[in-house]
Amino acid sequence: MADVVLRGGRLSYNLVGSQEAGGLPFVWGHGLTSSRADEDMMPLIDSAVIAERRQVVRYDARGHGLSSDLSAPADGDWAALARDQIGLIDHLGWGDVLLGGASMGTGTALHAALSLGDRVRGLVLVIPPTAWETRAAQVDLYEQMAASVERDGTGVLEAGARATPPPDPFADDDSWLDRRLHVLGAADPKRLAAIFRGAGTADLPLPEALATIAAPTLVLAWSGDPGHPVSTAERLGALLPNSDVVISSTREDLDTWTSRCAAFLDER
């Protein structure tokens, strides 16, 4: 585990895999309220498998995990988080890269891809979040959640998590809810409110900008999750000129995501 100072804040990261493995390095970004430690409880993509063929860097985004707090909501904009990601890539001395991430990490990767251009040789976009037309309602929800945790702590959010059906692949087990309750229960309410407000400033790049991304792209989405709607994944598939979209509704299909990701990256 190591730290790098970027834009006046500390970014905590870890690097696994061998440079001698030969594959292009892969940069992975987690989702909102998560961290490397939280993802390790239930990884959607197993970084250890990916690291068998390449170097993989994972990091705690600003405002999360072991990294510095947000100094203002705008620091949580995905375009700002992309600047952190690019700074980390440059710190590691990497040229061409593969980018991936879940939810907020998807937004970060897309903004970074627009800045890095041809240096991005492939994208893995996992559970893309609300965007464009569906974003406004989510932004309102983030402000309500921020106000709630500032006033009452995480209890209301924990009750809401218990009352909300999980994404379809988790319909028959409690692992999604257990992880969500763990994340909320361990969170600092002040920090949580800050990242909710940061997310309220964020959106995916404009559709016309996304249409210029030529990098091969794998989109992995699930059904039954209004915060990560299938509509965003399908729209990305239509906009990105070299993309494949997979929609998973069962745990069995979800469990193929690591192998799908590994095969996709091995082709780059």
C-alpha atoms as a PDB file:
ATOM      1  CA  MET A   1       0.000   0.000   0.000  1.00  0.00           C
ATOM      2  CA  ALA A   2       1.284   3.462  -0.896  1.00  0.00           C
ATOM      3  CA  ASP A   3       0.192   7.103  -1.053  1.00  0.00           C
ATOM      4  CA  VAL A   4       0.591   9.856  -3.616  1.00  0.00           C
ATOM      5  CA  VAL A   5      -0.283  13.537  -3.192  1.00  0.00           C
ATOM      6  CA  LEU A   6      -2.492  14.822  -6.018  1.00  0.00           C
ATOM      7  CA  ARG A   7      -4.350  18.137  -6.247  1.00  0.00           C
ATOM      8  CA  GLY A   8      -3.548  18.886  -2.635  1.00  0.00           C
ATOM      9  CA  GLY A   9      -4.899  15.584  -1.309  1.00  0.00           C
ATOM     10  CA  ARG A  10      -3.536  12.153  -0.457  1.00  0.00           C
ATOM     11  CA  LEU A  11      -4.597   9.200  -2.621  1.00  0.00           C
ATOM     12  CA  SER A  12      -4.039   5.746  -1.125  1.00  0.00           C
ATOM     13  CA  TYR A  13      -3.441   2.922  -3.602  1.00  0.00           C
ATOM     14  CA  ASN A  14      -2.007  -0.553  -4.007  1.00  0.00           C
ATOM     15  CA  LEU A  15      -0.384  -2.190  -7.004  1.00  0.00           C
ATOM     16  CA  VAL A  16      -0.538  -5.942  -7.660  1.00  0.00           C
ATOM     17  CA  GLY A  17       0.657  -8.139 -10.492  1.00  0.00           C
ATOM     18  CA  SER A  18       3.926  -8.246 -12.367  1.00  0.00           C
ATOM     19  CA  GLN A  19       5.155  -5.916 -15.070  1.00  0.00           C
ATOM     20  CA  GLU A  20       6.777  -8.985 -16.642  1.00  0.00           C
ATOM     21  CA  ALA A  21       3.358 -10.588 -17.177  1.00  0.00           C
ATOM     22  CA  GLY A  22       3.160  -8.640 -20.420  1.00  0.00           C
ATOM     23  CA  GLY A  23      -0.380  -7.277 -20.418  1.00  0.00           C
ATOM     24  CA  LEU A  24      -1.259  -3.608 -20.398  1.00  0.00           C
ATOM     25  CA  PRO A  25      -1.821  -2.239 -16.868  1.00  0.00           C
ATOM     26  CA  PHE A  26      -5.386  -2.007 -15.581  1.00  0.00           C
ATOM     27  CA  VAL A  27      -6.692   0.846 -13.424  1.00  0.00           C
ATOM     28  CA  TRP A  28      -9.780   0.092 -11.319  1.00  0.00           C
ATOM     29  CA  GLY A  29     -12.062   2.578  -9.549  1.00  0.00           C
ATOM     30  CA  HIS A  30     -14.667   1.624  -6.926  1.00  0.00           C
ATOM     31  CA  GLY A  31     -18.181   2.980  -6.455  1.00  0.00           C
ATOM     32  CA  LEU A  32     -19.647   5.705  -4.250  1.00  0.00           C
ATOM     33  CA  THR A  33     -19.399   5.028  -0.469  1.00  0.00           C
ATOM     34  CA  SER A  34     -17.111   2.061  -1.181  1.00  0.00           C
ATOM     35  CA  SER A  35     -13.338   1.550  -0.946  1.00  0.00           C
ATOM     36  CA  ARG A  36     -10.783  -1.134  -1.671  1.00  0.00           C
ATOM     37  CA  ALA A  37     -11.490  -2.728   1.700  1.00  0.00           C
ATOM     38  CA  ASP A  38     -15.246  -2.697   1.138  1.00  0.00           C
ATOM     39  CA  GLU A  39     -14.896  -4.158  -2.357  1.00  0.00           C
ATOM     40  CA  ASP A  40     -12.782  -6.976  -0.953  1.00  0.00           C
ATOM     41  CA  MET A  41     -15.880  -8.139   0.944  1.00  0.00           C
ATOM     42  CA  MET A  42     -17.689  -8.821  -2.333  1.00  0.00           C
ATOM     43  CA  PRO A  43     -15.646  -8.035  -5.448  1.00  0.00           C
ATOM     44  CA  LEU A  44     -17.610  -7.723  -8.668  1.00  0.00           C
ATOM     45  CA  ILE A  45     -14.317  -8.170 -10.528  1.00  0.00           C
ATOM     46  CA  ASP A  46     -11.625 -10.250  -8.806  1.00  0.00           C
ATOM     47  CA  SER A  47      -8.461  -8.183  -9.166  1.00  0.00           C
ATOM     48  CA  ALA A  48      -6.268 -11.146  -8.202  1.00  0.00           C
ATOM     49  CA  VAL A  49      -7.416 -12.990 -11.324  1.00  0.00           C
ATOM     50  CA  ILE A  50      -6.859  -9.936 -13.508  1.00  0.00           C
ATOM     51  CA  ALA A  51      -3.383  -9.457 -11.977  1.00  0.00           C
ATOM     52  CA  GLU A  52      -2.246 -12.864 -13.230  1.00  0.00           C
ATOM     53  CA  ARG A  53      -1.689 -11.288 -16.652  1.00  0.00           C
ATOM     54  CA  ARG A  54      -0.941  -7.639 -15.903  1.00  0.00           C
ATOM     55  CA  GLN A  55      -0.364  -5.025 -13.241  1.00  0.00           C
ATOM     56  CA  VAL A  56      -3.521  -3.783 -11.529  1.00  0.00           C
ATOM     57  CA  VAL A  57      -3.772  -0.602  -9.499  1.00  0.00           C
ATOM     58  CA  ARG A  58      -6.684  -0.067  -7.138  1.00  0.00           C
ATOM     59  CA  TYR A  59      -7.117   3.048  -5.052  1.00  0.00           C
ATOM     60  CA  ASP A  60      -9.468   4.724  -2.615  1.00  0.00           C
ATOM     61  CA  ALA A  61     -11.101   7.653  -4.393  1.00  0.00           C
ATOM     62  CA  ARG A  62     -10.906  11.072  -2.766  1.00  0.00           C
ATOM     63  CA  GLY A  63     -13.358  11.173   0.149  1.00  0.00           C
ATOM     64  CA  HIS A  64     -13.269   7.381   0.572  1.00  0.00           C
ATOM     65  CA  GLY A  65     -11.300   4.782   2.477  1.00  0.00           C
ATOM     66  CA  LEU A  66      -7.767   5.831   3.382  1.00  0.00           C
ATOM     67  CA  SER A  67      -7.611   8.775   0.982  1.00  0.00           C
ATOM     68  CA  SER A  68      -8.105  12.442   1.859  1.00  0.00           C
ATOM     69  CA  ASP A  69     -11.528  14.001   2.400  1.00  0.00           C
ATOM     70  CA  LEU A  70     -13.282  16.102  -0.201  1.00  0.00           C
ATOM     71  CA  SER A  71     -12.461  19.764   0.362  1.00  0.00           C
ATOM     72  CA  ALA A  72     -15.606  20.843  -1.529  1.00  0.00           C
ATOM     73  CA  PRO A  73     -18.491  19.067  -3.308  1.00  0.00           C
ATOM     74  CA  ALA A  74     -16.894  19.811  -6.694  1.00  0.00           C
ATOM     75  CA  ASP A  75     -13.980  17.551  -5.719  1.00  0.00           C
ATOM     76  CA  GLY A  76     -16.446  14.655  -5.939  1.00  0.00           C
ATOM     77  CA  ASP A  77     -17.412  15.423  -9.524  1.00  0.00           C
ATOM     78  CA  TRP A  78     -16.411  12.454 -11.678  1.00  0.00           C
ATOM     79  CA  ALA A  79     -14.414  14.755 -13.949  1.00  0.00           C
ATOM     80  CA  ALA A  80     -12.402  15.840 -10.883  1.00  0.00           C
ATOM     81  CA  LEU A  81     -11.965  12.233  -9.759  1.00  0.00           C
ATOM     82  CA  ALA A  82     -10.730  11.478 -13.280  1.00  0.00           C
ATOM     83  CA  ARG A  83      -7.977  14.040 -12.793  1.00  0.00           C
ATOM     84  CA  ASP A  84      -6.910  12.119  -9.691  1.00  0.00           C
ATOM     85  CA  GLN A  85      -6.927   8.888 -11.691  1.00  0.00           C
ATOM     86  CA  ILE A  86      -4.827  10.391 -14.471  1.00  0.00           C
ATOM     87  CA  GLY A  87      -2.429  11.793 -11.877  1.00  0.00           C
ATOM     88  CA  LEU A  88      -2.028   8.311 -10.403  1.00  0.00           C
ATOM     89  CA  ILE A  89      -1.404   6.809 -13.856  1.00  0.00           C
ATOM     90  CA  ASP A  90       1.263   9.412 -14.553  1.00  0.00           C
ATOM     91  CA  HIS A  91       2.781   8.895 -11.089  1.00  0.00           C
ATOM     92  CA  LEU A  92       3.180   5.204 -11.931  1.00  0.00           C
ATOM     93  CA  GLY A  93       4.859   6.101 -15.208  1.00  0.00           C
ATOM     94  CA  TRP A  94       2.339   4.269 -17.365  1.00  0.00           C
ATOM     95  CA  GLY A  95       1.683   5.127 -20.996  1.00  0.00           C
ATOM     96  CA  ASP A  96      -1.087   3.065 -22.581  1.00  0.00           C
ATOM     97  CA  VAL A  97      -3.588   1.714 -20.051  1.00  0.00           C
ATOM     98  CA  LEU A  98      -6.849  -0.155 -19.593  1.00  0.00           C
ATOM     99  CA  LEU A  99      -9.465   1.539 -17.412  1.00  0.00           C
ATOM    100  CA  GLY A 100     -12.342   0.070 -15.448  1.00  0.00           C
ATOM    101  CA  GLY A 101     -14.630   0.789 -12.565  1.00  0.00           C
ATOM    102  CA  ALA A 102     -17.974   0.257 -10.902  1.00  0.00           C
ATOM    103  CA  SER A 103     -20.680   2.945 -10.773  1.00  0.00           C
ATOM    104  CA  MET A 104     -18.762   6.090  -9.763  1.00  0.00           C
ATOM    105  CA  GLY A 105     -15.694   4.296 -11.107  1.00  0.00           C
ATOM    106  CA  THR A 106     -17.437   4.005 -14.471  1.00  0.00           C
ATOM    107  CA  GLY A 107     -18.021   7.754 -14.558  1.00  0.00           C
ATOM    108  CA  THR A 108     -14.414   8.372 -13.554  1.00  0.00           C
ATOM    109  CA  ALA A 109     -13.095   6.044 -16.263  1.00  0.00           C
ATOM    110  CA  LEU A 110     -15.167   7.675 -19.006  1.00  0.00           C
ATOM    111  CA  HIS A 111     -14.043  11.184 -18.086  1.00  0.00           C
ATOM    112  CA  ALA A 112     -10.441   9.959 -17.899  1.00  0.00           C
ATOM    113  CA  ALA A 113     -10.760   8.255 -21.281  1.00  0.00           C
ATOM    114  CA  LEU A 114     -11.787  11.515 -22.913  1.00  0.00           C
ATOM    115  CA  SER A 115      -8.693  13.213 -21.492  1.00  0.00           C
ATOM    116  CA  LEU A 116      -6.251  10.383 -22.209  1.00  0.00           C
ATOM    117  CA  GLY A 117      -7.439   9.706 -25.748  1.00  0.00           C
ATOM    118  CA  ASP A 118      -5.497   6.994 -27.578  1.00  0.00           C
ATOM    119  CA  ARG A 119      -3.607   6.020 -24.412  1.00  0.00           C
ATOM    120  CA  VAL A 120      -6.761   4.159 -23.311  1.00  0.00           C
ATOM    121  CA  ARG A 121      -6.742   0.789 -25.044  1.00  0.00           C
ATOM    122  CA  GLY A 122      -9.874  -0.610 -23.435  1.00  0.00           C
ATOM    123  CA  LEU A 123     -12.664   0.153 -20.944  1.00  0.00           C
ATOM    124  CA  VAL A 124     -14.594  -2.092 -18.543  1.00  0.00           C
ATOM    125  CA  LEU A 125     -17.687  -0.267 -17.284  1.00  0.00           C
ATOM    126  CA  VAL A 126     -19.463  -2.090 -14.444  1.00  0.00           C
ATOM    127  CA  ILE A 127     -22.969  -1.207 -13.175  1.00  0.00           C
ATOM    128  CA  PRO A 128     -23.119   2.212 -14.867  1.00  0.00           C
ATOM    129  CA  PRO A 129     -25.026   4.699 -12.695  1.00  0.00           C
ATOM    130  CA  THR A 130     -27.875   7.056 -13.446  1.00  0.00           C
ATOM    131  CA  ALA A 131     -26.956   9.636 -16.082  1.00  0.00           C
ATOM    132  CA  TRP A 132     -28.351  12.491 -18.127  1.00  0.00           C
ATOM    133  CA  GLU A 133     -32.182  12.331 -17.969  1.00  0.00           C
ATOM    134  CA  THR A 134     -32.199   9.944 -14.988  1.00  0.00           C
ATOM    135  CA  ARG A 135     -29.592  11.885 -13.020  1.00  0.00           C
ATOM    136  CA  ALA A 136     -31.735  14.749 -11.706  1.00  0.00           C
ATOM    137  CA  ALA A 137     -33.857  12.547  -9.448  1.00  0.00           C
ATOM    138  CA  GLN A 138     -30.724  10.834  -8.127  1.00  0.00           C
ATOM    139  CA  VAL A 139     -29.132  14.201  -7.334  1.00  0.00           C
ATOM    140  CA  ASP A 140     -32.208  15.138  -5.288  1.00  0.00           C
ATOM    141  CA  LEU A 141     -31.947  11.827  -3.458  1.00  0.00           C
ATOM    142  CA  TYR A 142     -28.279  12.433  -2.651  1.00  0.00           C
ATOM    143  CA  GLU A 143     -29.109  15.780  -1.035  1.00  0.00           C
ATOM    144  CA  GLN A 144     -31.866  14.154   1.030  1.00  0.00           C
ATOM    145  CA  MET A 145     -29.438  11.429   2.117  1.00  0.00           C
ATOM    146  CA  ALA A 146     -26.747  13.972   2.993  1.00  0.00           C
ATOM    147  CA  ALA A 147     -29.166  15.985   5.126  1.00  0.00           C
ATOM    148  CA  SER A 148     -30.424  12.821   6.806  1.00  0.00           C
ATOM    149  CA  VAL A 149     -27.005  11.533   7.857  1.00  0.00           C
ATOM    150  CA  GLU A 150     -25.960  14.979   9.084  1.00  0.00           C
ATOM    151  CA  ARG A 151     -29.085  15.193  11.220  1.00  0.00           C
ATOM    152  CA  ASP A 152     -29.640  11.616  12.382  1.00  0.00           C
ATOM    153  CA  GLY A 153     -26.621   9.508  11.446  1.00  0.00           C
ATOM    154  CA  THR A 154     -26.913   6.457   9.212  1.00  0.00           C
ATOM    155  CA  GLY A 155     -29.946   4.839  10.835  1.00  0.00           C
ATOM    156  CA  VAL A 156     -32.468   6.063   8.255  1.00  0.00           C
ATOM    157  CA  LEU A 157     -30.252   4.881   5.400  1.00  0.00           C
ATOM    158  CA  GLU A 158     -29.817   1.482   7.034  1.00  0.00           C
ATOM    159  CA  ALA A 159     -33.595   1.157   7.397  1.00  0.00           C
ATOM    160  CA  GLY A 160     -33.993   2.167   3.763  1.00  0.00           C
ATOM    161  CA  ALA A 161     -31.471  -0.458   2.689  1.00  0.00           C
ATOM    162  CA  ARG A 162     -33.421  -3.153   4.546  1.00  0.00           C
ATOM    163  CA  ALA A 163     -36.658  -2.063   2.851  1.00  0.00           C
ATOM    164  CA  THR A 164     -35.238  -1.874  -0.683  1.00  0.00           C
ATOM    165  CA  PRO A 165     -35.118  -4.988  -2.888  1.00  0.00           C
ATOM    166  CA  PRO A 166     -31.548  -5.853  -3.892  1.00  0.00           C
ATOM    167  CA  PRO A 167     -30.386  -5.998  -7.510  1.00  0.00           C
ATOM    168  CA  ASP A 168     -31.776  -9.065  -9.266  1.00  0.00           C
ATOM    169  CA  PRO A 169     -28.611 -11.221  -8.986  1.00  0.00           C
ATOM    170  CA  PHE A 170     -28.901 -11.001  -5.180  1.00  0.00           C
ATOM    171  CA  ALA A 171     -32.609 -11.771  -4.942  1.00  0.00           C
ATOM    172  CA  ASP A 172     -32.003 -15.122  -3.240  1.00  0.00           C
ATOM    173  CA  ASP A 173     -29.298 -14.243  -0.715  1.00  0.00           C
ATOM    174  CA  ASP A 174     -28.441 -11.540   1.793  1.00  0.00           C
ATOM    175  CA  SER A 175     -24.879 -10.768   0.708  1.00  0.00           C
ATOM    176  CA  TRP A 176     -25.768  -7.467  -0.973  1.00  0.00           C
ATOM    177  CA  LEU A 177     -27.735  -6.214   2.030  1.00  0.00           C
ATOM    178  CA  ASP A 178     -25.084  -7.427   4.474  1.00  0.00           C
ATOM    179  CA  ARG A 179     -22.382  -5.512   2.640  1.00  0.00           C
ATOM    180  CA  ARG A 180     -24.525  -2.379   2.377  1.00  0.00           C
ATOM    181  CA  LEU A 181     -25.316  -2.405   6.087  1.00  0.00           C
ATOM    182  CA  HIS A 182     -21.649  -2.926   6.920  1.00  0.00           C
ATOM    183  CA  VAL A 183     -20.589   0.034   4.757  1.00  0.00           C
ATOM    184  CA  LEU A 184     -23.231   2.335   6.227  1.00  0.00           C
ATOM    185  CA  GLY A 185     -22.661   1.223   9.803  1.00  0.00           C
ATOM    186  CA  ALA A 186     -18.925   1.862   9.561  1.00  0.00           C
ATOM    187  CA  ALA A 187     -19.232   5.246   7.831  1.00  0.00           C
ATOM    188  CA  ASP A 188     -18.432   8.638   9.336  1.00  0.00           C
ATOM    189  CA  PRO A 189     -21.707  10.587   8.860  1.00  0.00           C
ATOM    190  CA  LYS A 190     -19.899  13.853   8.101  1.00  0.00           C
ATOM    191  CA  ARG A 191     -17.732  12.196   5.464  1.00  0.00           C
ATOM    192  CA  LEU A 192     -20.710  10.332   4.033  1.00  0.00           C
ATOM    193  CA  ALA A 193     -22.708  13.547   3.644  1.00  0.00           C
ATOM    194  CA  ALA A 194     -19.753  15.152   1.858  1.00  0.00           C
ATOM    195  CA  ILE A 195     -19.452  12.409  -0.739  1.00  0.00           C
ATOM    196  CA  PHE A 196     -23.220  12.369  -1.331  1.00  0.00           C
ATOM    197  CA  ARG A 197     -23.053  16.087  -2.100  1.00  0.00           C
ATOM    198  CA  GLY A 198     -20.007  15.470  -4.258  1.00  0.00           C
ATOM    199  CA  ALA A 199     -21.914  12.860  -6.240  1.00  0.00           C
ATOM    200  CA  GLY A 200     -24.672  15.418  -6.676  1.00  0.00           C
ATOM    201  CA  THR A 201     -22.309  17.481  -8.839  1.00  0.00           C
ATOM    202  CA  ALA A 202     -21.438  14.540 -11.099  1.00  0.00           C
ATOM    203  CA  ASP A 203     -22.719  13.138 -14.367  1.00  0.00           C
ATOM    204  CA  LEU A 204     -21.394  11.065 -17.236  1.00  0.00           C
ATOM    205  CA  PRO A 205     -19.807  12.978 -20.119  1.00  0.00           C
ATOM    206  CA  LEU A 206     -22.160  14.382 -22.740  1.00  0.00           C
ATOM    207  CA  PRO A 207     -23.420  11.761 -25.204  1.00  0.00           C
ATOM    208  CA  GLU A 208     -21.753  13.465 -28.154  1.00  0.00           C
ATOM    209  CA  ALA A 209     -18.408  13.329 -26.334  1.00  0.00           C
ATOM    210  CA  LEU A 210     -18.791   9.631 -25.553  1.00  0.00           C
ATOM    211  CA  ALA A 211     -19.360   8.908 -29.229  1.00  0.00           C
ATOM    212  CA  THR A 212     -15.746   9.959 -29.855  1.00  0.00           C
ATOM    213  CA  ILE A 213     -14.267   7.230 -27.616  1.00  0.00           C
ATOM    214  CA  ALA A 214     -12.868   4.594 -29.954  1.00  0.00           C
ATOM    215  CA  ALA A 215     -11.465   2.236 -27.301  1.00  0.00           C
ATOM    216  CA  PRO A 216     -13.057  -1.232 -27.162  1.00  0.00           C
ATOM    217  CA  THR A 217     -15.501  -1.250 -24.261  1.00  0.00           C
ATOM    218  CA  LEU A 218     -17.160  -3.971 -22.192  1.00  0.00           C
ATOM    219  CA  VAL A 219     -20.265  -2.871 -20.273  1.00  0.00           C
ATOM    220  CA  LEU A 220     -21.380  -5.176 -17.440  1.00  0.00           C
ATOM    221  CA  ALA A 221     -24.720  -4.270 -15.868  1.00  0.00           C
ATOM    222  CA  TRP A 222     -27.400  -5.911 -13.769  1.00  0.00           C
ATOM    223  CA  SER A 223     -31.149  -5.573 -13.654  1.00  0.00           C
ATOM    224  CA  GLY A 224     -33.382  -4.560 -10.772  1.00  0.00           C
ATOM    225  CA  ASP A 225     -31.370  -1.580  -9.502  1.00  0.00           C
ATOM    226  CA  PRO A 226     -32.812   1.930 -10.067  1.00  0.00           C
ATOM    227  CA  GLY A 227     -29.517   3.506  -9.007  1.00  0.00           C
ATOM    228  CA  HIS A 228     -27.735   1.613 -11.786  1.00  0.00           C
ATOM    229  CA  PRO A 229     -30.421   1.306 -14.441  1.00  0.00           C
ATOM    230  CA  VAL A 230     -30.182  -0.961 -17.458  1.00  0.00           C
ATOM    231  CA  SER A 231     -31.107   2.085 -19.528  1.00  0.00           C
ATOM    232  CA  THR A 232     -27.701   3.682 -18.863  1.00  0.00           C
ATOM    233  CA  ALA A 233     -25.857   0.531 -19.933  1.00  0.00           C
ATOM    234  CA  GLU A 234     -27.927   0.261 -23.091  1.00  0.00           C
ATOM    235  CA  ARG A 235     -27.385   3.933 -23.908  1.00  0.00           C
ATOM    236  CA  LEU A 236     -23.641   3.537 -23.458  1.00  0.00           C
ATOM    237  CA  GLY A 237     -23.764   0.567 -25.792  1.00  0.00           C
ATOM    238  CA  ALA A 238     -25.487   2.697 -28.400  1.00  0.00           C
ATOM    239  CA  LEU A 239     -23.138   5.666 -27.975  1.00  0.00           C
ATOM    240  CA  LEU A 240     -19.741   3.992 -27.692  1.00  0.00           C
ATOM    241  CA  PRO A 241     -18.820   2.854 -31.197  1.00  0.00           C
ATOM    242  CA  ASN A 242     -16.870  -0.273 -30.185  1.00  0.00           C
ATOM    243  CA  SER A 243     -18.799  -1.713 -27.247  1.00  0.00           C
ATOM    244  CA  ASP A 244     -20.451  -4.898 -26.007  1.00  0.00           C
ATOM    245  CA  VAL A 245     -23.136  -4.857 -23.308  1.00  0.00           C
ATOM    246  CA  VAL A 246     -23.948  -7.706 -20.916  1.00  0.00           C
ATOM    247  CA  ILE A 247     -27.034  -7.503 -18.673  1.00  0.00           C
ATOM    248  CA  SER A 248     -27.077 -10.017 -15.811  1.00  0.00           C
ATOM    249  CA  SER A 249     -30.190 -10.966 -13.855  1.00  0.00           C
ATOM    250  CA  THR A 250     -28.935 -14.059 -11.992  1.00  0.00           C
ATOM    251  CA  ARG A 251     -26.108 -14.754  -9.568  1.00  0.00           C
ATOM    252  CA  GLU A 252     -24.784 -17.404 -11.939  1.00  0.00           C
ATOM    253  CA  ASP A 253     -24.365 -14.848 -14.707  1.00  0.00           C
ATOM    254  CA  LEU A 254     -22.931 -12.266 -12.318  1.00  0.00           C
ATOM    255  CA  ASP A 255     -20.271 -14.788 -11.339  1.00  0.00           C
ATOM    256  CA  THR A 256     -19.012 -14.796 -14.955  1.00  0.00           C
ATOM    257  CA  TRP A 257     -18.027 -11.124 -14.830  1.00  0.00           C
ATOM    258  CA  THR A 258     -14.426 -11.696 -13.758  1.00  0.00           C
ATOM    259  CA  SER A 259     -13.805 -14.232 -16.518  1.00  0.00           C
ATOM    260  CA  ARG A 260     -15.522 -11.979 -19.063  1.00  0.00           C
ATOM    261  CA  CYS A 261     -13.371  -9.062 -17.936  1.00  0.00           C
ATOM    262  CA  ALA A 262     -10.168 -11.123 -18.035  1.00  0.00           C
ATOM    263  CA  ALA A 263     -10.902 -12.411 -21.541  1.00  0.00           C
ATOM    264  CA  PHE A 264     -11.716  -8.905 -22.764  1.00  0.00           C
ATOM    265  CA  LEU A 265      -8.515  -7.440 -21.329  1.00  0.00           C
ATOM    266  CA  ASP A 266      -6.399 -10.286 -22.730  1.00  0.00           C
ATOM    267  CA  GLU A 267      -7.538  -9.310 -26.233  1.00  0.00           C
ATOM    268  CA  ARG A 268      -6.272  -5.765 -25.941  1.00  0.00           C
END
